[in-house]
Amino acid sequence: MHELSLAQSIVDLVEEQRASAAFARVRTIRVIVGQLSSVDPRALEFGFEVVARGTVAEGATLAIDRPPGRAFCTDCEQPVEIATHGDACPICAGHRWKVVGGQELRVVDLEVE
């Protein structure tokens, strides 16, 4: 489960920010996890709860934004939304497309006290 190591990276980032910004605790961590990122949001939330114990992030809410997968179909030359990497183009049923969004995974901001 690579989500556990991703959750650890989030906690590490929070601890780094704490060292430079000197806050007491984190209330909310906003994260973007694209539909095509191959990250299970529920597993990420569970892993975060585990690795955040005993840290400044303990008890923080992991607010996950889940933007859809976006691609450009080279068959019909149209931008389309896709749910998974193997999907056919919803317009022409082709499979020749280039991903243009929905693979991101990043921390957007922290709400701290």
PDB file of N, CA and C in Angstrom:
ATOM      1  N   MET A   1       0.858  -1.183   0.000  1.00  0.00           N
ATOM      2  CA  MET A   1       0.000   0.000   0.000  1.00  0.00           C
ATOM      3  C   MET A   1       0.897   1.238   0.000  1.00  0.00           C
ATOM      4  N   HIS A   2       1.069   1.834  -1.159  1.00  0.00           N
ATOM      5  CA  HIS A   2       1.929   3.008  -1.254  1.00  0.00           C
ATOM      6  C   HIS A   2       1.288   4.241  -0.629  1.00  0.00           C
ATOM      7  N   GLU A   3       0.001   4.182  -0.339  1.00  0.00           N
ATOM      8  CA  GLU A   3      -0.672   5.311   0.307  1.00  0.00           C
ATOM      9  C   GLU A   3      -0.091   5.600   1.684  1.00  0.00           C
ATOM     10  N   LEU A   4       0.400   4.577   2.375  1.00  0.00           N
ATOM     11  CA  LEU A   4       1.006   4.781   3.697  1.00  0.00           C
ATOM     12  C   LEU A   4       2.277   5.627   3.579  1.00  0.00           C
ATOM     13  N   SER A   5       3.101   5.345   2.583  1.00  0.00           N
ATOM     14  CA  SER A   5       4.314   6.162   2.406  1.00  0.00           C
ATOM     15  C   SER A   5       3.955   7.568   1.936  1.00  0.00           C
ATOM     16  N   LEU A   6       2.895   7.706   1.165  1.00  0.00           N
ATOM     17  CA  LEU A   6       2.436   9.046   0.763  1.00  0.00           C
ATOM     18  C   LEU A   6       1.937   9.824   1.981  1.00  0.00           C
ATOM     19  N   ALA A   7       1.213   9.137   2.848  1.00  0.00           N
ATOM     20  CA  ALA A   7       0.729   9.778   4.076  1.00  0.00           C
ATOM     21  C   ALA A   7       1.905  10.216   4.944  1.00  0.00           C
ATOM     22  N   GLN A   8       2.932   9.389   5.021  1.00  0.00           N
ATOM     23  CA  GLN A   8       4.128   9.756   5.787  1.00  0.00           C
ATOM     24  C   GLN A   8       4.786  10.990   5.182  1.00  0.00           C
ATOM     25  N   SER A   9       4.815  11.076   3.875  1.00  0.00           N
ATOM     26  CA  SER A   9       5.390  12.247   3.206  1.00  0.00           C
ATOM     27  C   SER A   9       4.600  13.507   3.529  1.00  0.00           C
ATOM     28  N   ILE A  10       3.281  13.384   3.626  1.00  0.00           N
ATOM     29  CA  ILE A  10       2.444  14.529   3.988  1.00  0.00           C
ATOM     30  C   ILE A  10       2.780  14.985   5.408  1.00  0.00           C
ATOM     31  N   VAL A  11       2.879  14.047   6.336  1.00  0.00           N
ATOM     32  CA  VAL A  11       3.220  14.392   7.716  1.00  0.00           C
ATOM     33  C   VAL A  11       4.619  15.010   7.778  1.00  0.00           C
ATOM     34  N   ASP A  12       5.557  14.477   7.019  1.00  0.00           N
ATOM     35  CA  ASP A  12       6.910  15.042   6.979  1.00  0.00           C
ATOM     36  C   ASP A  12       6.878  16.484   6.481  1.00  0.00           C
ATOM     37  N   LEU A  13       6.084  16.745   5.465  1.00  0.00           N
ATOM     38  CA  LEU A  13       5.957  18.098   4.924  1.00  0.00           C
ATOM     39  C   LEU A  13       5.370  19.040   5.971  1.00  0.00           C
ATOM     40  N   VAL A  14       4.374  18.572   6.707  1.00  0.00           N
ATOM     41  CA  VAL A  14       3.770  19.379   7.774  1.00  0.00           C
ATOM     42  C   VAL A  14       4.813  19.703   8.845  1.00  0.00           C
ATOM     43  N   GLU A  15       5.599  18.714   9.222  1.00  0.00           N
ATOM     44  CA  GLU A  15       6.638  18.939  10.230  1.00  0.00           C
ATOM     45  C   GLU A  15       7.683  19.940   9.729  1.00  0.00           C
ATOM     46  N   GLU A  16       8.039  19.876   8.454  1.00  0.00           N
ATOM     47  CA  GLU A  16       8.981  20.847   7.878  1.00  0.00           C
ATOM     48  C   GLU A  16       8.399  22.262   7.946  1.00  0.00           C
ATOM     49  N   GLN A  17       7.106  22.380   7.617  1.00  0.00           N
ATOM     50  CA  GLN A  17       6.459  23.685   7.654  1.00  0.00           C
ATOM     51  C   GLN A  17       6.382  24.220   9.080  1.00  0.00           C
ATOM     52  N   ARG A  18       6.169  23.324  10.014  1.00  0.00           N
ATOM     53  CA  ARG A  18       6.101  23.731  11.422  1.00  0.00           C
ATOM     54  C   ARG A  18       7.438  24.318  11.879  1.00  0.00           C
ATOM     55  N   ALA A  19       8.524  23.745  11.422  1.00  0.00           N
ATOM     56  CA  ALA A  19       9.844  24.233  11.804  1.00  0.00           C
ATOM     57  C   ALA A  19      10.076  25.667  11.332  1.00  0.00           C
ATOM     58  N   SER A  20       9.506  26.014  10.182  1.00  0.00           N
ATOM     59  CA  SER A  20       9.727  27.363   9.652  1.00  0.00           C
ATOM     60  C   SER A  20       8.617  28.346  10.030  1.00  0.00           C
ATOM     61  N   ALA A  21       7.422  27.865  10.314  1.00  0.00           N
ATOM     62  CA  ALA A  21       6.295  28.761  10.596  1.00  0.00           C
ATOM     63  C   ALA A  21       5.866  28.770  12.058  1.00  0.00           C
ATOM     64  N   ALA A  22       6.337  27.851  12.853  1.00  0.00           N
ATOM     65  CA  ALA A  22       6.071  27.791  14.296  1.00  0.00           C
ATOM     66  C   ALA A  22       4.592  27.847  14.655  1.00  0.00           C
ATOM     67  N   PHE A  23       3.846  26.829  14.271  1.00  0.00           N
ATOM     68  CA  PHE A  23       2.444  26.725  14.675  1.00  0.00           C
ATOM     69  C   PHE A  23       2.289  25.579  15.667  1.00  0.00           C
ATOM     70  N   ALA A  24       1.192  25.626  16.430  1.00  0.00           N
ATOM     71  CA  ALA A  24       0.973  24.644  17.494  1.00  0.00           C
ATOM     72  C   ALA A  24       0.392  23.328  16.977  1.00  0.00           C
ATOM     73  N   ARG A  25      -0.569  23.441  16.069  1.00  0.00           N
ATOM     74  CA  ARG A  25      -1.168  22.220  15.516  1.00  0.00           C
ATOM     75  C   ARG A  25      -1.814  22.501  14.170  1.00  0.00           C
ATOM     76  N   VAL A  26      -2.106  21.442  13.455  1.00  0.00           N
ATOM     77  CA  VAL A  26      -2.732  21.531  12.140  1.00  0.00           C
ATOM     78  C   VAL A  26      -4.189  21.120  12.276  1.00  0.00           C
ATOM     79  N   ARG A  27      -5.068  21.927  11.738  1.00  0.00           N
ATOM     80  CA  ARG A  27      -6.493  21.578  11.754  1.00  0.00           C
ATOM     81  C   ARG A  27      -6.902  20.841  10.482  1.00  0.00           C
ATOM     82  N   THR A  28      -6.473  21.363   9.326  1.00  0.00           N
ATOM     83  CA  THR A  28      -6.869  20.787   8.045  1.00  0.00           C
ATOM     84  C   THR A  28      -5.687  20.804   7.079  1.00  0.00           C
ATOM     85  N   ILE A  29      -5.558  19.727   6.333  1.00  0.00           N
ATOM     86  CA  ILE A  29      -4.567  19.649   5.265  1.00  0.00           C
ATOM     87  C   ILE A  29      -5.346  19.401   3.977  1.00  0.00           C
ATOM     88  N   ARG A  30      -5.281  20.363   3.060  1.00  0.00           N
ATOM     89  CA  ARG A  30      -5.975  20.202   1.777  1.00  0.00           C
ATOM     90  C   ARG A  30      -5.018  19.565   0.778  1.00  0.00           C
ATOM     91  N   VAL A  31      -5.485  18.479   0.173  1.00  0.00           N
ATOM     92  CA  VAL A  31      -4.677  17.708  -0.758  1.00  0.00           C
ATOM     93  C   VAL A  31      -5.461  17.502  -2.055  1.00  0.00           C
ATOM     94  N   ILE A  32      -4.770  17.619  -3.174  1.00  0.00           N
ATOM     95  CA  ILE A  32      -5.372  17.278  -4.468  1.00  0.00           C
ATOM     96  C   ILE A  32      -4.869  15.896  -4.847  1.00  0.00           C
ATOM     97  N   VAL A  33      -5.808  14.992  -5.114  1.00  0.00           N
ATOM     98  CA  VAL A  33      -5.491  13.625  -5.520  1.00  0.00           C
ATOM     99  C   VAL A  33      -6.283  13.357  -6.796  1.00  0.00           C
ATOM    100  N   GLY A  34      -5.650  13.526  -7.941  1.00  0.00           N
ATOM    101  CA  GLY A  34      -6.325  13.351  -9.226  1.00  0.00           C
ATOM    102  C   GLY A  34      -6.878  11.948  -9.409  1.00  0.00           C
ATOM    103  N   GLN A  35      -7.960  11.868 -10.146  1.00  0.00           N
ATOM    104  CA  GLN A  35      -8.633  10.597 -10.417  1.00  0.00           C
ATOM    105  C   GLN A  35      -7.685   9.575 -11.054  1.00  0.00           C
ATOM    106  N   LEU A  36      -6.717  10.047 -11.822  1.00  0.00           N
ATOM    107  CA  LEU A  36      -5.801   9.139 -12.513  1.00  0.00           C
ATOM    108  C   LEU A  36      -4.469   8.969 -11.783  1.00  0.00           C
ATOM    109  N   SER A  37      -4.391   9.393 -10.534  1.00  0.00           N
ATOM    110  CA  SER A  37      -3.131   9.355  -9.787  1.00  0.00           C
ATOM    111  C   SER A  37      -2.792   7.973  -9.235  1.00  0.00           C
ATOM    112  N   SER A  38      -3.679   7.023  -9.340  1.00  0.00           N
ATOM    113  CA  SER A  38      -3.488   5.672  -8.792  1.00  0.00           C
ATOM    114  C   SER A  38      -3.374   5.675  -7.278  1.00  0.00           C
ATOM    115  N   VAL A  39      -4.012   6.655  -6.627  1.00  0.00           N
ATOM    116  CA  VAL A  39      -4.035   6.737  -5.169  1.00  0.00           C
ATOM    117  C   VAL A  39      -5.471   6.545  -4.704  1.00  0.00           C
ATOM    118  N   ASP A  40      -5.664   5.631  -3.769  1.00  0.00           N
ATOM    119  CA  ASP A  40      -6.984   5.396  -3.186  1.00  0.00           C
ATOM    120  C   ASP A  40      -7.160   6.391  -2.035  1.00  0.00           C
ATOM    121  N   PRO A  41      -8.097   7.341  -2.168  1.00  0.00           N
ATOM    122  CA  PRO A  41      -8.275   8.353  -1.127  1.00  0.00           C
ATOM    123  C   PRO A  41      -8.578   7.772   0.249  1.00  0.00           C
ATOM    124  N   ARG A  42      -9.371   6.714   0.322  1.00  0.00           N
ATOM    125  CA  ARG A  42      -9.693   6.108   1.620  1.00  0.00           C
ATOM    126  C   ARG A  42      -8.449   5.495   2.260  1.00  0.00           C
ATOM    127  N   ALA A  43      -7.624   4.848   1.463  1.00  0.00           N
ATOM    128  CA  ALA A  43      -6.384   4.275   1.990  1.00  0.00           C
ATOM    129  C   ALA A  43      -5.427   5.387   2.428  1.00  0.00           C
ATOM    130  N   LEU A  44      -5.410   6.505   1.696  1.00  0.00           N
ATOM    131  CA  LEU A  44      -4.571   7.636   2.078  1.00  0.00           C
ATOM    132  C   LEU A  44      -5.044   8.218   3.408  1.00  0.00           C
ATOM    133  N   GLU A  45      -6.357   8.367   3.573  1.00  0.00           N
ATOM    134  CA  GLU A  45      -6.902   8.881   4.837  1.00  0.00           C
ATOM    135  C   GLU A  45      -6.555   7.950   5.997  1.00  0.00           C
ATOM    136  N   PHE A  46      -6.713   6.651   5.793  1.00  0.00           N
ATOM    137  CA  PHE A  46      -6.386   5.683   6.848  1.00  0.00           C
ATOM    138  C   PHE A  46      -4.902   5.755   7.192  1.00  0.00           C
ATOM    139  N   GLY A  47      -4.051   5.738   6.174  1.00  0.00           N
ATOM    140  CA  GLY A  47      -2.615   5.818   6.404  1.00  0.00           C
ATOM    141  C   GLY A  47      -2.224   7.102   7.116  1.00  0.00           C
ATOM    142  N   PHE A  48      -2.893   8.197   6.759  1.00  0.00           N
ATOM    143  CA  PHE A  48      -2.612   9.480   7.399  1.00  0.00           C
ATOM    144  C   PHE A  48      -2.946   9.422   8.886  1.00  0.00           C
ATOM    145  N   GLU A  49      -4.103   8.853   9.234  1.00  0.00           N
ATOM    146  CA  GLU A  49      -4.476   8.737  10.651  1.00  0.00           C
ATOM    147  C   GLU A  49      -3.426   7.955  11.432  1.00  0.00           C
ATOM    148  N   VAL A  50      -2.882   6.923  10.825  1.00  0.00           N
ATOM    149  CA  VAL A  50      -1.881   6.082  11.491  1.00  0.00           C
ATOM    150  C   VAL A  50      -0.573   6.837  11.688  1.00  0.00           C
ATOM    151  N   VAL A  51      -0.043   7.429  10.614  1.00  0.00           N
ATOM    152  CA  VAL A  51       1.282   8.054  10.716  1.00  0.00           C
ATOM    153  C   VAL A  51       1.248   9.414  11.403  1.00  0.00           C
ATOM    154  N   ALA A  52       0.077  10.033  11.506  1.00  0.00           N
ATOM    155  CA  ALA A  52      -0.018  11.350  12.154  1.00  0.00           C
ATOM    156  C   ALA A  52      -0.035  11.242  13.676  1.00  0.00           C
ATOM    157  N   ARG A  53      -0.276  10.043  14.214  1.00  0.00           N
ATOM    158  CA  ARG A  53      -0.312   9.877  15.674  1.00  0.00           C
ATOM    159  C   ARG A  53       0.986  10.353  16.314  1.00  0.00           C
ATOM    160  N   GLY A  54       0.824  11.197  17.337  1.00  0.00           N
ATOM    161  CA  GLY A  54       1.982  11.691  18.064  1.00  0.00           C
ATOM    162  C   GLY A  54       2.706  12.837  17.382  1.00  0.00           C
ATOM    163  N   THR A  55       2.148  13.350  16.283  1.00  0.00           N
ATOM    164  CA  THR A  55       2.772  14.474  15.570  1.00  0.00           C
ATOM    165  C   THR A  55       1.862  15.689  15.658  1.00  0.00           C
ATOM    166  N   VAL A  56       2.339  16.805  15.163  1.00  0.00           N
ATOM    167  CA  VAL A  56       1.551  18.038  15.131  1.00  0.00           C
ATOM    168  C   VAL A  56       0.315  17.876  14.237  1.00  0.00           C
ATOM    169  N   ALA A  57       0.312  16.870  13.369  1.00  0.00           N
ATOM    170  CA  ALA A  57      -0.813  16.626  12.465  1.00  0.00           C
ATOM    171  C   ALA A  57      -1.872  15.695  13.056  1.00  0.00           C
ATOM    172  N   GLU A  58      -1.635  15.168  14.258  1.00  0.00           N
ATOM    173  CA  GLU A  58      -2.604  14.257  14.862  1.00  0.00           C
ATOM    174  C   GLU A  58      -3.944  14.966  15.030  1.00  0.00           C
ATOM    175  N   GLY A  59      -5.010  14.318  14.575  1.00  0.00           N
ATOM    176  CA  GLY A  59      -6.357  14.875  14.681  1.00  0.00           C
ATOM    177  C   GLY A  59      -6.730  15.817  13.550  1.00  0.00           C
ATOM    178  N   ALA A  60      -5.790  16.111  12.665  1.00  0.00           N
ATOM    179  CA  ALA A  60      -6.091  17.003  11.538  1.00  0.00           C
ATOM    180  C   ALA A  60      -6.988  16.299  10.530  1.00  0.00           C
ATOM    181  N   THR A  61      -7.785  17.094   9.849  1.00  0.00           N
ATOM    182  CA  THR A  61      -8.628  16.580   8.774  1.00  0.00           C
ATOM    183  C   THR A  61      -7.838  16.606   7.483  1.00  0.00           C
ATOM    184  N   LEU A  62      -7.871  15.511   6.747  1.00  0.00           N
ATOM    185  CA  LEU A  62      -7.260  15.446   5.430  1.00  0.00           C
ATOM    186  C   LEU A  62      -8.381  15.700   4.423  1.00  0.00           C
ATOM    187  N   ALA A  63      -8.457  16.928   3.907  1.00  0.00           N
ATOM    188  CA  ALA A  63      -9.505  17.308   2.957  1.00  0.00           C
ATOM    189  C   ALA A  63      -8.995  17.021   1.553  1.00  0.00           C
ATOM    190  N   ILE A  64      -9.613  16.045   0.905  1.00  0.00           N
ATOM    191  CA  ILE A  64      -9.128  15.586  -0.400  1.00  0.00           C
ATOM    192  C   ILE A  64     -10.024  16.100  -1.515  1.00  0.00           C
ATOM    193  N   ASP A  65      -9.413  16.826  -2.449  1.00  0.00           N
ATOM    194  CA  ASP A  65     -10.086  17.265  -3.670  1.00  0.00           C
ATOM    195  C   ASP A  65      -9.717  16.253  -4.745  1.00  0.00           C
ATOM    196  N   ARG A  66     -10.698  15.783  -5.503  1.00  0.00           N
ATOM    197  CA  ARG A  66     -10.500  14.688  -6.458  1.00  0.00           C
ATOM    198  C   ARG A  66     -10.855  15.135  -7.868  1.00  0.00           C
ATOM    199  N   PRO A  67      -9.986  15.899  -8.547  1.00  0.00           N
ATOM    200  CA  PRO A  67     -10.311  16.333  -9.903  1.00  0.00           C
ATOM    201  C   PRO A  67     -10.369  15.147 -10.869  1.00  0.00           C
ATOM    202  N   PRO A  68     -11.230  15.233 -11.868  1.00  0.00           N
ATOM    203  CA  PRO A  68     -11.389  14.126 -12.812  1.00  0.00           C
ATOM    204  C   PRO A  68     -10.182  13.986 -13.734  1.00  0.00           C
ATOM    205  N   GLY A  69     -10.090  12.807 -14.337  1.00  0.00           N
ATOM    206  CA  GLY A  69      -9.068  12.604 -15.358  1.00  0.00           C
ATOM    207  C   GLY A  69      -9.477  13.351 -16.618  1.00  0.00           C
ATOM    208  N   ARG A  70      -8.514  14.018 -17.217  1.00  0.00           N
ATOM    209  CA  ARG A  70      -8.785  14.747 -18.457  1.00  0.00           C
ATOM    210  C   ARG A  70      -7.763  14.321 -19.505  1.00  0.00           C
ATOM    211  N   ALA A  71      -8.235  14.207 -20.731  1.00  0.00           N
ATOM    212  CA  ALA A  71      -7.359  13.784 -21.816  1.00  0.00           C
ATOM    213  C   ALA A  71      -7.735  14.530 -23.094  1.00  0.00           C
ATOM    214  N   PHE A  72      -6.822  14.457 -24.047  1.00  0.00           N
ATOM    215  CA  PHE A  72      -7.099  14.979 -25.379  1.00  0.00           C
ATOM    216  C   PHE A  72      -7.063  13.784 -26.322  1.00  0.00           C
ATOM    217  N   CYS A  73      -8.193  13.511 -26.964  1.00  0.00           N
ATOM    218  CA  CYS A  73      -8.293  12.377 -27.875  1.00  0.00           C
ATOM    219  C   CYS A  73      -7.703  12.783 -29.221  1.00  0.00           C
ATOM    220  N   THR A  74      -6.705  12.019 -29.669  1.00  0.00           N
ATOM    221  CA  THR A  74      -6.084  12.341 -30.958  1.00  0.00           C
ATOM    222  C   THR A  74      -6.881  11.788 -32.135  1.00  0.00           C
ATOM    223  N   ASP A  75      -7.853  10.910 -31.873  1.00  0.00           N
ATOM    224  CA  ASP A  75      -8.704  10.400 -32.947  1.00  0.00           C
ATOM    225  C   ASP A  75      -9.753  11.439 -33.349  1.00  0.00           C
ATOM    226  N   CYS A  76     -10.480  11.972 -32.352  1.00  0.00           N
ATOM    227  CA  CYS A  76     -11.539  12.950 -32.658  1.00  0.00           C
ATOM    228  C   CYS A  76     -11.113  14.389 -32.372  1.00  0.00           C
ATOM    229  N   GLU A  77      -9.895  14.534 -31.866  1.00  0.00           N
ATOM    230  CA  GLU A  77      -9.319  15.849 -31.565  1.00  0.00           C
ATOM    231  C   GLU A  77     -10.191  16.686 -30.637  1.00  0.00           C
ATOM    232  N   GLN A  78     -10.664  16.020 -29.556  1.00  0.00           N
ATOM    233  CA  GLN A  78     -11.519  16.679 -28.575  1.00  0.00           C
ATOM    234  C   GLN A  78     -10.976  16.456 -27.166  1.00  0.00           C
ATOM    235  N   PRO A  79     -11.130  17.457 -26.276  1.00  0.00           N
ATOM    236  CA  PRO A  79     -10.810  17.227 -24.868  1.00  0.00           C
ATOM    237  C   PRO A  79     -11.934  16.414 -24.233  1.00  0.00           C
ATOM    238  N   VAL A  80     -11.571  15.424 -23.418  1.00  0.00           N
ATOM    239  CA  VAL A  80     -12.567  14.540 -22.805  1.00  0.00           C
ATOM    240  C   VAL A  80     -12.206  14.258 -21.353  1.00  0.00           C
ATOM    241  N   GLU A  81     -13.204  13.830 -20.573  1.00  0.00           N
ATOM    242  CA  GLU A  81     -12.978  13.333 -19.219  1.00  0.00           C
ATOM    243  C   GLU A  81     -12.921  11.820 -19.278  1.00  0.00           C
ATOM    244  N   ILE A  82     -11.972  11.243 -18.521  1.00  0.00           N
ATOM    245  CA  ILE A  82     -11.846   9.794 -18.439  1.00  0.00           C
ATOM    246  C   ILE A  82     -11.704   9.400 -16.975  1.00  0.00           C
ATOM    247  N   ALA A  83     -12.225   8.232 -16.638  1.00  0.00           N
ATOM    248  CA  ALA A  83     -12.190   7.784 -15.246  1.00  0.00           C
ATOM    249  C   ALA A  83     -10.953   6.948 -14.935  1.00  0.00           C
ATOM    250  N   THR A  84     -10.503   6.163 -15.906  1.00  0.00           N
ATOM    251  CA  THR A  84      -9.319   5.323 -15.714  1.00  0.00           C
ATOM    252  C   THR A  84      -8.473   5.331 -16.980  1.00  0.00           C
ATOM    253  N   HIS A  85      -7.243   4.869 -16.844  1.00  0.00           N
ATOM    254  CA  HIS A  85      -6.315   4.890 -17.979  1.00  0.00           C
ATOM    255  C   HIS A  85      -6.764   4.031 -19.156  1.00  0.00           C
ATOM    256  N   GLY A  86      -7.545   3.009 -18.951  1.00  0.00           N
ATOM    257  CA  GLY A  86      -7.961   2.126 -20.044  1.00  0.00           C
ATOM    258  C   GLY A  86      -9.250   2.515 -20.727  1.00  0.00           C
ATOM    259  N   ASP A  87      -9.868   3.604 -20.290  1.00  0.00           N
ATOM    260  CA  ASP A  87     -11.161   3.999 -20.860  1.00  0.00           C
ATOM    261  C   ASP A  87     -11.052   4.400 -22.323  1.00  0.00           C
ATOM    262  N   ALA A  88     -12.135   4.160 -23.026  1.00  0.00           N
ATOM    263  CA  ALA A  88     -12.255   4.634 -24.409  1.00  0.00           C
ATOM    264  C   ALA A  88     -12.730   6.085 -24.384  1.00  0.00           C
ATOM    265  N   CYS A  89     -12.467   6.789 -25.442  1.00  0.00           N
ATOM    266  CA  CYS A  89     -12.948   8.161 -25.578  1.00  0.00           C
ATOM    267  C   CYS A  89     -14.472   8.142 -25.531  1.00  0.00           C
ATOM    268  N   PRO A  90     -15.090   8.964 -24.694  1.00  0.00           N
ATOM    269  CA  PRO A  90     -16.552   8.966 -24.607  1.00  0.00           C
ATOM    270  C   PRO A  90     -17.223   9.564 -25.849  1.00  0.00           C
ATOM    271  N   ILE A  91     -16.465  10.185 -26.712  1.00  0.00           N
ATOM    272  CA  ILE A  91     -17.038  10.784 -27.926  1.00  0.00           C
ATOM    273  C   ILE A  91     -16.942   9.822 -29.112  1.00  0.00           C
ATOM    274  N   CYS A  92     -15.725   9.285 -29.364  1.00  0.00           N
ATOM    275  CA  CYS A  92     -15.534   8.470 -30.568  1.00  0.00           C
ATOM    276  C   CYS A  92     -15.192   7.005 -30.281  1.00  0.00           C
ATOM    277  N   ALA A  93     -15.052   6.642 -29.017  1.00  0.00           N
ATOM    278  CA  ALA A  93     -14.711   5.284 -28.580  1.00  0.00           C
ATOM    279  C   ALA A  93     -13.274   4.895 -28.922  1.00  0.00           C
ATOM    280  N   GLY A  94     -12.467   5.869 -29.313  1.00  0.00           N
ATOM    281  CA  GLY A  94     -11.061   5.596 -29.598  1.00  0.00           C
ATOM    282  C   GLY A  94     -10.251   5.449 -28.323  1.00  0.00           C
ATOM    283  N   HIS A  95      -9.048   4.937 -28.479  1.00  0.00           N
ATOM    284  CA  HIS A  95      -8.164   4.742 -27.327  1.00  0.00           C
ATOM    285  C   HIS A  95      -6.850   5.503 -27.480  1.00  0.00           C
ATOM    286  N   ARG A  96      -6.788   6.380 -28.442  1.00  0.00           N
ATOM    287  CA  ARG A  96      -5.565   7.159 -28.636  1.00  0.00           C
ATOM    288  C   ARG A  96      -5.783   8.553 -28.063  1.00  0.00           C
ATOM    289  N   TRP A  97      -5.426   8.688 -26.802  1.00  0.00           N
ATOM    290  CA  TRP A  97      -5.558   9.985 -26.150  1.00  0.00           C
ATOM    291  C   TRP A  97      -4.346  10.250 -25.281  1.00  0.00           C
ATOM    292  N   LYS A  98      -4.153  11.504 -24.986  1.00  0.00           N
ATOM    293  CA  LYS A  98      -3.042  11.936 -24.141  1.00  0.00           C
ATOM    294  C   LYS A  98      -3.617  12.563 -22.881  1.00  0.00           C
ATOM    295  N   VAL A  99      -3.163  12.092 -21.726  1.00  0.00           N
ATOM    296  CA  VAL A  99      -3.627  12.643 -20.451  1.00  0.00           C
ATOM    297  C   VAL A  99      -3.144  14.077 -20.315  1.00  0.00           C
ATOM    298  N   VAL A 100      -4.053  14.973 -19.941  1.00  0.00           N
ATOM    299  CA  VAL A 100      -3.696  16.378 -19.722  1.00  0.00           C
ATOM    300  C   VAL A 100      -4.048  16.850 -18.316  1.00  0.00           C
ATOM    301  N   GLY A 101      -4.660  15.993 -17.509  1.00  0.00           N
ATOM    302  CA  GLY A 101      -4.984  16.371 -16.138  1.00  0.00           C
ATOM    303  C   GLY A 101      -5.555  15.204 -15.359  1.00  0.00           C
ATOM    304  N   GLY A 102      -5.506  15.330 -14.044  1.00  0.00           N
ATOM    305  CA  GLY A 102      -6.072  14.298 -13.183  1.00  0.00           C
ATOM    306  C   GLY A 102      -5.048  13.325 -12.627  1.00  0.00           C
ATOM    307  N   GLN A 103      -3.751  13.576 -12.870  1.00  0.00           N
ATOM    308  CA  GLN A 103      -2.712  12.709 -12.321  1.00  0.00           C
ATOM    309  C   GLN A 103      -2.009  13.349 -11.131  1.00  0.00           C
ATOM    310  N   GLU A 104      -2.406  14.555 -10.786  1.00  0.00           N
ATOM    311  CA  GLU A 104      -1.700  15.295  -9.747  1.00  0.00           C
ATOM    312  C   GLU A 104      -1.918  14.714  -8.355  1.00  0.00           C
ATOM    313  N   LEU A 105      -0.924  14.951  -7.521  1.00  0.00           N
ATOM    314  CA  LEU A 105      -0.980  14.591  -6.108  1.00  0.00           C
ATOM    315  C   LEU A 105      -0.133  15.624  -5.389  1.00  0.00           C
ATOM    316  N   ARG A 106      -0.783  16.534  -4.668  1.00  0.00           N
ATOM    317  CA  ARG A 106      -0.022  17.578  -3.979  1.00  0.00           C
ATOM    318  C   ARG A 106      -0.798  18.150  -2.804  1.00  0.00           C
ATOM    319  N   VAL A 107      -0.042  18.636  -1.840  1.00  0.00           N
ATOM    320  CA  VAL A 107      -0.628  19.352  -0.712  1.00  0.00           C
ATOM    321  C   VAL A 107      -0.832  20.795  -1.175  1.00  0.00           C
ATOM    322  N   VAL A 108      -2.056  21.298  -1.001  1.00  0.00           N
ATOM    323  CA  VAL A 108      -2.396  22.640  -1.463  1.00  0.00           C
ATOM    324  C   VAL A 108      -2.151  23.660  -0.359  1.00  0.00           C
ATOM    325  N   ASP A 109      -2.679  23.385   0.836  1.00  0.00           N
ATOM    326  CA  ASP A 109      -2.452  24.304   1.945  1.00  0.00           C
ATOM    327  C   ASP A 109      -2.762  23.642   3.285  1.00  0.00           C
ATOM    328  N   LEU A 110      -2.372  24.341   4.333  1.00  0.00           N
ATOM    329  CA  LEU A 110      -2.590  23.891   5.702  1.00  0.00           C
ATOM    330  C   LEU A 110      -3.381  24.930   6.441  1.00  0.00           C
ATOM    331  N   GLU A 111      -4.333  24.490   7.253  1.00  0.00           N
ATOM    332  CA  GLU A 111      -5.014  25.371   8.188  1.00  0.00           C
ATOM    333  C   GLU A 111      -4.430  25.044   9.561  1.00  0.00           C
ATOM    334  N   VAL A 112      -3.781  26.029  10.161  1.00  0.00           N
ATOM    335  CA  VAL A 112      -3.037  25.788  11.402  1.00  0.00           C
ATOM    336  C   VAL A 112      -3.485  26.722  12.509  1.00  0.00           C
ATOM    337  N   GLU A 113      -3.086  26.389  13.721  1.00  0.00           N
ATOM    338  CA  GLU A 113      -3.328  27.243  14.898  1.00  0.00           C
ATOM    339  C   GLU A 113      -2.000  27.611  15.516  1.00  0.00           C
TER     340      GLU A 113
END
